[in-house]
Amino acid sequence: MKSQKVVETTVRALTYALGGLFILAGVGKAWYLTEFLQTVAALTHLSQSNSQLLALALVICEIAGGAALLARFKLTATSILFCGLIAVFLWMLSLATLEGKEIDCNCFGIFNIRLSDRAELILDIILFNLFALLALLSSQVMPMSRNNKFSFAVLAFLLAYVEYSIFSPIFSHAERRNTANLIPAVSYSDAHHQAFASQKLKNRLMFLVRFSDFNCPPCFESFILLCDSLRARLTDDGQHRLIILFQQDDFADPSNPARLHHWLKANDLRFPVLIIPDSVFKQTTISKSSVAVVNPANETLFLRQLPLEKQEEYQHVLELLMQRS
């Protein structure tokens, strides 16, 4: 009897918490529909009309599903439907993580709650598990009793094992992206830019940029913000301790650099710039535009993909670069 009361309390708490969360997310997206549409289009590569329909359907599902949870309407079926919806989100986020893409999620729309792909992946795993738990506890087929507690524990263990088997390699892949072989990029920069090479007895900063990554607005904003901060802190001579390395492509073309020079001027970027061959860029094993700080021994002191997620990371980069050695 006591066990059944615990189950009922848990179900009630989950329905209110999850229902309120998804109504909040759905309403936030409704007020921010254009930006959410861009996220859907980027993830699915659908036409604009189909992306609009899908984005609108997701908003309606979140609001209607959240309302159904609050009304405790067909809890088991609603919870299973949410599990399916979140499973799709997990699949898309996993692909983005493996490909080194950072998605501007817009998951909470107007409320402007921004999460990294990794944080969003963890949140969705938690939500999937909570909906799975709610579906199980609210099911009339399997009430919580002494006879099936063991079965419940086995199901929970199997679910945890499957999730660990699937997502552990994905998180490990994301961690490996934060390590790289920067020596080829440093050597190429020293050989082709005398001013940057003259600062090799000090800590130096490199932006390793694929121009296509700037289609991600947070990545571009983070890059510009850090450049502005560096320009304000460094002396004219100190700015030679920084270099922007563009991977050679149709935009950053060494045989026709006018487009890149125009873009740099438009964004008031006056730091040393080099276009590096694709072969050198690939040797670094960097899969997405990044910022790195190396010491005089060319050891990596800092390496992060853009966008930087925390204000402390911006400050840490500045502190490292301001060090004399």
Protein backbone atom coordinates (compact mmCIF):
# COMPACT_ATOMS: atom_id res chain seq x y z
CA MET A 1 0.00 0.00 0.00
CA LYS A 2 2.80 2.35 0.93
CA SER A 3 4.63 1.35 -2.24
CA GLN A 4 1.58 2.18 -4.35
CA LYS A 5 1.32 5.62 -2.77
CA VAL A 6 4.97 6.31 -3.65
CA VAL A 7 4.22 5.33 -7.24
CA GLU A 8 1.18 7.62 -7.40
CA THR A 9 3.17 10.53 -5.97
CA THR A 10 5.99 9.94 -8.44
CA VAL A 11 3.56 9.80 -11.38
CA ARG A 12 1.87 13.01 -10.28
CA ALA A 13 5.19 14.84 -9.87
CA LEU A 14 6.45 13.68 -13.27
CA THR A 15 3.27 14.62 -15.12
CA TYR A 16 3.23 18.14 -13.70
CA ALA A 17 6.97 18.74 -14.16
CA LEU A 18 7.22 17.32 -17.69
CA GLY A 19 3.90 18.76 -18.80
CA GLY A 20 4.87 22.24 -17.61
CA LEU A 21 8.32 21.97 -19.20
CA PHE A 22 7.00 21.06 -22.64
CA ILE A 23 4.24 23.66 -22.60
CA LEU A 24 6.91 26.23 -21.74
CA ALA A 25 9.17 24.98 -24.55
CA GLY A 26 6.32 24.87 -27.05
CA VAL A 27 5.07 28.38 -26.25
CA GLY A 28 8.65 29.68 -26.38
CA LYS A 29 9.10 28.17 -29.85
CA ALA A 30 5.75 29.59 -31.02
CA TRP A 31 6.98 33.11 -30.26
CA TYR A 32 10.34 32.36 -31.85
CA LEU A 33 9.05 30.31 -34.78
CA THR A 34 11.28 31.77 -37.51
CA GLU A 35 14.49 30.92 -35.62
CA PHE A 36 13.18 27.46 -34.71
CA LEU A 37 12.28 26.92 -38.37
CA GLN A 38 15.92 27.62 -39.29
CA THR A 39 17.06 24.95 -36.82
CA VAL A 40 14.63 22.39 -38.26
CA ALA A 41 15.71 23.21 -41.82
CA ALA A 42 19.40 22.88 -40.91
CA LEU A 43 18.85 19.50 -39.27
CA THR A 44 16.49 17.93 -41.78
CA HIS A 45 17.55 19.62 -45.07
CA LEU A 46 13.87 19.81 -46.04
CA SER A 47 12.39 22.48 -48.28
CA GLN A 48 11.18 25.68 -46.62
CA SER A 49 7.52 24.70 -46.84
CA ASN A 50 8.11 21.23 -45.40
CA SER A 51 10.36 22.67 -42.67
CA GLN A 52 7.58 25.10 -41.75
CA LEU A 53 5.07 22.27 -41.49
CA LEU A 54 7.41 20.14 -39.39
CA ALA A 55 8.36 23.03 -37.09
CA LEU A 56 4.69 23.91 -36.59
CA ALA A 57 3.82 20.24 -35.94
CA LEU A 58 6.56 19.96 -33.30
CA VAL A 59 5.31 23.10 -31.54
CA ILE A 60 1.71 21.81 -31.55
CA CYS A 61 2.84 18.38 -30.32
CA GLU A 62 4.81 19.87 -27.45
CA ILE A 63 1.97 22.16 -26.30
CA ALA A 64 -0.77 19.55 -26.81
CA GLY A 65 1.33 16.79 -25.25
CA GLY A 66 2.21 18.98 -22.28
CA ALA A 67 -1.46 19.82 -21.80
CA ALA A 68 -2.36 16.12 -21.99
CA LEU A 69 0.16 15.37 -19.27
CA LEU A 70 -1.19 18.10 -17.00
CA ALA A 71 -4.72 16.79 -17.58
CA ARG A 72 -3.42 13.24 -16.96
CA PHE A 73 -5.02 12.16 -20.24
CA LYS A 74 -3.86 8.72 -21.43
CA LEU A 75 -0.57 9.05 -19.57
CA THR A 76 0.98 5.84 -20.85
CA ALA A 77 0.28 6.55 -24.53
CA THR A 78 1.34 10.20 -24.21
CA SER A 79 4.57 9.22 -22.46
CA ILE A 80 5.39 6.66 -25.15
CA LEU A 81 4.78 9.26 -27.88
CA PHE A 82 7.14 11.66 -26.11
CA CYS A 83 9.75 8.86 -25.91
CA GLY A 84 9.51 8.51 -29.69
CA LEU A 85 9.79 12.27 -30.22
CA ILE A 86 12.84 12.55 -27.97
CA ALA A 87 14.43 9.50 -29.61
CA VAL A 88 14.33 11.43 -32.92
CA PHE A 89 15.97 14.43 -31.21
CA LEU A 90 18.65 12.14 -29.77
CA TRP A 91 19.36 10.67 -33.19
CA MET A 92 19.77 14.11 -34.78
CA LEU A 93 21.96 15.42 -31.94
CA SER A 94 24.12 12.30 -32.07
CA LEU A 95 24.73 12.79 -35.78
CA ALA A 96 25.60 16.46 -35.21
CA THR A 97 28.03 15.52 -32.42
CA LEU A 98 29.74 12.86 -34.53
CA GLU A 99 30.07 15.30 -37.44
CA GLY A 100 31.45 18.04 -35.19
CA LYS A 101 28.53 20.38 -35.89
CA GLU A 102 27.24 22.73 -33.21
CA ILE A 103 23.49 23.21 -33.52
CA ASP A 104 21.85 26.47 -32.48
CA CYS A 105 18.97 24.55 -30.93
CA ASN A 106 16.44 27.31 -30.10
CA CYS A 107 14.78 24.60 -27.99
CA PHE A 108 13.18 27.10 -25.61
CA GLY A 109 12.58 29.78 -28.21
CA ILE A 110 11.95 33.25 -26.83
CA PHE A 111 13.33 32.27 -23.40
CA ASN A 112 16.81 32.22 -25.01
CA ILE A 113 18.12 29.22 -23.06
CA ARG A 114 21.13 28.07 -25.09
CA LEU A 115 22.72 24.67 -24.58
CA SER A 116 25.66 23.02 -26.27
CA ASP A 117 25.05 19.84 -28.27
CA ARG A 118 26.58 17.83 -25.42
CA ALA A 119 24.36 19.45 -22.77
CA GLU A 120 21.30 19.07 -24.98
CA LEU A 121 22.16 15.40 -25.55
CA ILE A 122 22.42 14.79 -21.81
CA LEU A 123 19.14 16.64 -21.17
CA ASP A 124 17.32 14.61 -23.81
CA ILE A 125 18.66 11.33 -22.39
CA ILE A 126 17.32 12.34 -18.97
CA LEU A 127 13.95 13.33 -20.44
CA PHE A 128 13.72 10.07 -22.39
CA ASN A 129 14.34 8.09 -19.20
CA LEU A 130 11.79 10.12 -17.26
CA PHE A 131 9.12 9.53 -19.91
CA ALA A 132 10.01 5.82 -20.01
CA LEU A 133 9.60 5.71 -16.23
CA LEU A 134 6.30 7.57 -16.42
CA ALA A 135 5.00 5.23 -19.13
CA LEU A 136 5.90 2.21 -17.00
CA LEU A 137 4.52 3.52 -13.72
CA SER A 138 1.28 4.76 -15.25
CA SER A 139 0.65 1.51 -17.11
CA GLN A 140 -2.20 -0.62 -15.84
CA VAL A 141 -0.52 -3.65 -17.36
CA MET A 142 2.36 -3.56 -14.92
CA PRO A 143 1.37 -2.09 -11.51
CA MET A 144 4.15 -1.79 -8.98
CA SER A 145 4.01 -4.80 -6.67
CA ARG A 146 6.43 -7.03 -4.85
CA ASN A 147 6.30 -9.65 -7.62
CA ASN A 148 7.44 -7.35 -10.40
CA LYS A 149 9.97 -5.11 -8.62
CA PHE A 150 12.70 -7.42 -9.84
CA SER A 151 11.42 -7.14 -13.42
CA PHE A 152 11.35 -3.36 -13.06
CA ALA A 153 14.98 -3.37 -11.88
CA VAL A 154 16.02 -5.60 -14.78
CA LEU A 155 14.32 -3.32 -17.31
CA ALA A 156 16.02 -0.27 -15.78
CA PHE A 157 19.40 -2.00 -15.93
CA LEU A 158 18.91 -3.05 -19.55
CA LEU A 159 17.86 0.47 -20.56
CA ALA A 160 20.89 1.97 -18.82
CA TYR A 161 23.19 -0.58 -20.48
CA VAL A 162 21.78 0.10 -23.95
CA GLU A 163 22.07 3.86 -23.48
CA TYR A 164 25.63 3.55 -22.21
CA SER A 165 26.57 1.35 -25.19
CA ILE A 166 25.09 3.85 -27.65
CA PHE A 167 26.10 7.20 -26.15
CA SER A 168 29.45 6.46 -24.51
CA PRO A 169 31.27 6.30 -27.89
CA ILE A 170 29.52 9.53 -28.94
CA PHE A 171 30.68 11.40 -25.83
CA SER A 172 34.18 9.91 -26.23
CA HIS A 173 34.24 11.17 -29.82
CA ALA A 174 33.25 14.64 -28.61
CA GLU A 175 36.07 14.59 -26.06
CA ARG A 176 38.61 13.58 -28.71
CA ARG A 177 37.62 16.62 -30.74
CA ASN A 178 39.07 18.73 -27.94
CA THR A 179 42.54 17.32 -28.66
CA ALA A 180 44.45 17.89 -31.86
CA ASN A 181 47.86 17.89 -33.48
CA LEU A 182 48.57 21.61 -33.83
CA ILE A 183 52.24 21.25 -34.85
CA PRO A 184 51.54 21.29 -38.63
CA ALA A 185 49.53 24.50 -38.31
CA VAL A 186 52.15 26.16 -36.08
CA SER A 187 55.00 25.15 -38.38
CA TYR A 188 53.17 26.39 -41.47
CA SER A 189 52.38 29.71 -39.76
CA ASP A 190 55.98 30.23 -38.63
CA ALA A 191 57.26 29.47 -42.13
CA HIS A 192 54.82 31.80 -43.91
CA HIS A 193 54.33 34.68 -41.47
CA GLN A 194 57.48 36.28 -40.10
CA ALA A 195 55.74 38.54 -37.57
CA PHE A 196 53.89 35.61 -35.99
CA ALA A 197 57.11 33.55 -35.96
CA SER A 198 58.93 36.40 -34.18
CA GLN A 199 56.63 35.90 -31.16
CA LYS A 200 57.46 32.20 -30.66
CA LEU A 201 59.05 32.82 -27.25
CA LYS A 202 55.62 33.79 -25.91
CA ASN A 203 52.22 32.14 -25.74
CA ARG A 204 50.45 32.48 -29.09
CA LEU A 205 46.87 32.09 -30.28
CA MET A 206 45.57 30.52 -33.48
CA PHE A 207 42.09 30.56 -34.91
CA LEU A 208 41.68 27.55 -37.20
CA VAL A 209 38.70 28.42 -39.32
CA ARG A 210 36.52 26.72 -41.89
CA PHE A 211 34.54 29.59 -43.36
CA SER A 212 31.46 27.39 -43.82
CA ASP A 213 31.26 26.99 -40.03
CA PHE A 214 30.26 30.65 -39.79
CA ASN A 215 26.85 29.66 -41.14
CA CYS A 216 26.32 28.86 -37.45
CA PRO A 217 25.47 32.31 -35.95
CA PRO A 218 26.73 31.48 -32.40
CA CYS A 219 30.08 30.35 -33.88
CA PHE A 220 30.51 33.60 -35.80
CA GLU A 221 29.37 35.72 -32.83
CA SER A 222 31.81 33.92 -30.51
CA PHE A 223 34.66 34.44 -32.99
CA ILE A 224 33.95 38.18 -33.35
CA LEU A 225 33.50 38.65 -29.59
CA LEU A 226 36.85 37.04 -28.84
CA CYS A 227 38.58 39.04 -31.59
CA ASP A 228 37.13 42.28 -30.19
CA SER A 229 38.30 41.37 -26.69
CA LEU A 230 41.80 40.54 -27.93
CA ARG A 231 42.06 43.74 -29.97
CA ALA A 232 41.11 45.78 -26.90
CA ARG A 233 43.67 44.06 -24.67
CA LEU A 234 46.70 43.59 -26.92
CA THR A 235 49.17 46.23 -28.04
CA ASP A 236 49.94 46.63 -31.74
CA ASP A 237 53.04 44.45 -31.32
CA GLY A 238 51.16 41.95 -29.17
CA GLN A 239 48.58 41.42 -31.89
CA HIS A 240 51.26 39.53 -33.84
CA ARG A 241 50.91 36.78 -31.21
CA LEU A 242 47.58 35.95 -32.83
CA ILE A 243 46.91 34.53 -36.29
CA ILE A 244 43.74 33.53 -38.14
CA LEU A 245 44.23 30.43 -40.29
CA PHE A 246 41.55 29.89 -42.92
CA GLN A 247 41.26 26.49 -44.52
CA GLN A 248 41.58 26.89 -48.28
CA ASP A 249 38.20 26.71 -50.03
CA ASP A 250 36.15 28.60 -52.62
CA PHE A 251 35.85 31.63 -50.33
CA ALA A 252 39.35 31.61 -48.86
CA ASP A 253 41.12 31.17 -52.19
CA PRO A 254 44.84 32.13 -52.29
CA SER A 255 44.64 32.69 -56.05
CA ASN A 256 41.77 35.16 -55.58
CA PRO A 257 41.97 36.58 -52.04
CA ALA A 258 39.82 39.66 -52.73
CA ARG A 259 36.61 38.16 -51.28
CA LEU A 260 38.33 37.17 -48.05
CA HIS A 261 40.08 40.55 -47.72
CA HIS A 262 36.77 42.34 -48.23
CA TRP A 263 35.13 40.17 -45.55
CA LEU A 264 37.99 40.81 -43.11
CA LYS A 265 37.77 44.57 -43.68
CA ALA A 266 33.97 44.56 -43.27
CA ASN A 267 34.37 42.86 -39.89
CA ASP A 268 37.31 45.08 -38.84
CA LEU A 269 39.66 42.11 -38.49
CA ARG A 270 43.23 43.37 -38.77
CA PHE A 271 45.09 40.46 -37.23
CA PRO A 272 47.59 38.38 -39.21
CA VAL A 273 45.78 36.04 -41.60
CA LEU A 274 46.91 33.02 -43.62
CA ILE A 275 45.10 30.69 -45.95
CA ILE A 276 46.43 27.22 -45.27
CA PRO A 277 46.21 24.21 -47.60
CA ASP A 278 43.54 21.65 -46.92
CA SER A 279 46.25 19.02 -46.38
CA VAL A 280 47.74 21.01 -43.46
CA PHE A 281 44.33 21.64 -41.94
CA LYS A 282 43.50 17.92 -42.04
CA GLN A 283 46.76 17.04 -40.30
CA THR A 284 45.57 18.97 -37.25
CA THR A 285 42.60 16.52 -36.99
CA ILE A 286 40.35 19.47 -36.13
CA SER A 287 36.81 18.79 -37.36
CA LYS A 288 35.32 22.24 -36.68
CA SER A 289 36.52 25.84 -36.42
CA SER A 290 38.45 26.22 -33.18
CA VAL A 291 40.60 28.54 -31.10
CA ALA A 292 43.90 27.33 -29.66
CA VAL A 293 46.68 28.74 -27.48
CA VAL A 294 50.16 27.22 -27.64
CA ASN A 295 53.22 27.92 -25.47
CA PRO A 296 56.83 28.49 -26.68
CA ALA A 297 57.35 24.70 -26.79
CA ASN A 298 54.28 24.48 -29.08
CA GLU A 299 52.37 22.57 -26.42
CA THR A 300 48.62 23.11 -26.43
CA LEU A 301 47.47 25.18 -23.44
CA PHE A 302 43.90 25.70 -24.64
CA LEU A 303 41.78 24.23 -27.42
CA ARG A 304 38.05 24.64 -27.88
CA GLN A 305 35.66 24.50 -30.78
CA LEU A 306 33.64 27.60 -31.56
CA PRO A 307 31.41 28.80 -30.07
CA LEU A 308 32.95 29.15 -26.62
CA GLU A 309 30.22 28.29 -24.15
CA LYS A 310 31.28 30.06 -20.96
CA GLN A 311 32.48 33.55 -20.14
CA GLU A 312 35.29 31.97 -18.13
CA GLU A 313 36.69 30.47 -21.35
CA TYR A 314 37.02 33.90 -22.95
CA GLN A 315 38.79 35.18 -19.85
CA HIS A 316 41.09 32.16 -19.75
CA VAL A 317 42.17 32.72 -23.37
CA LEU A 318 42.96 36.37 -22.61
CA GLU A 319 44.94 35.48 -19.51
CA LEU A 320 46.99 32.86 -21.36
CA LEU A 321 47.80 35.24 -24.19
CA MET A 322 48.73 38.07 -21.84
CA GLN A 323 51.31 35.89 -20.11
CA ARG A 324 54.87 36.86 -21.06
CA SER A 325 56.04 33.27 -21.49
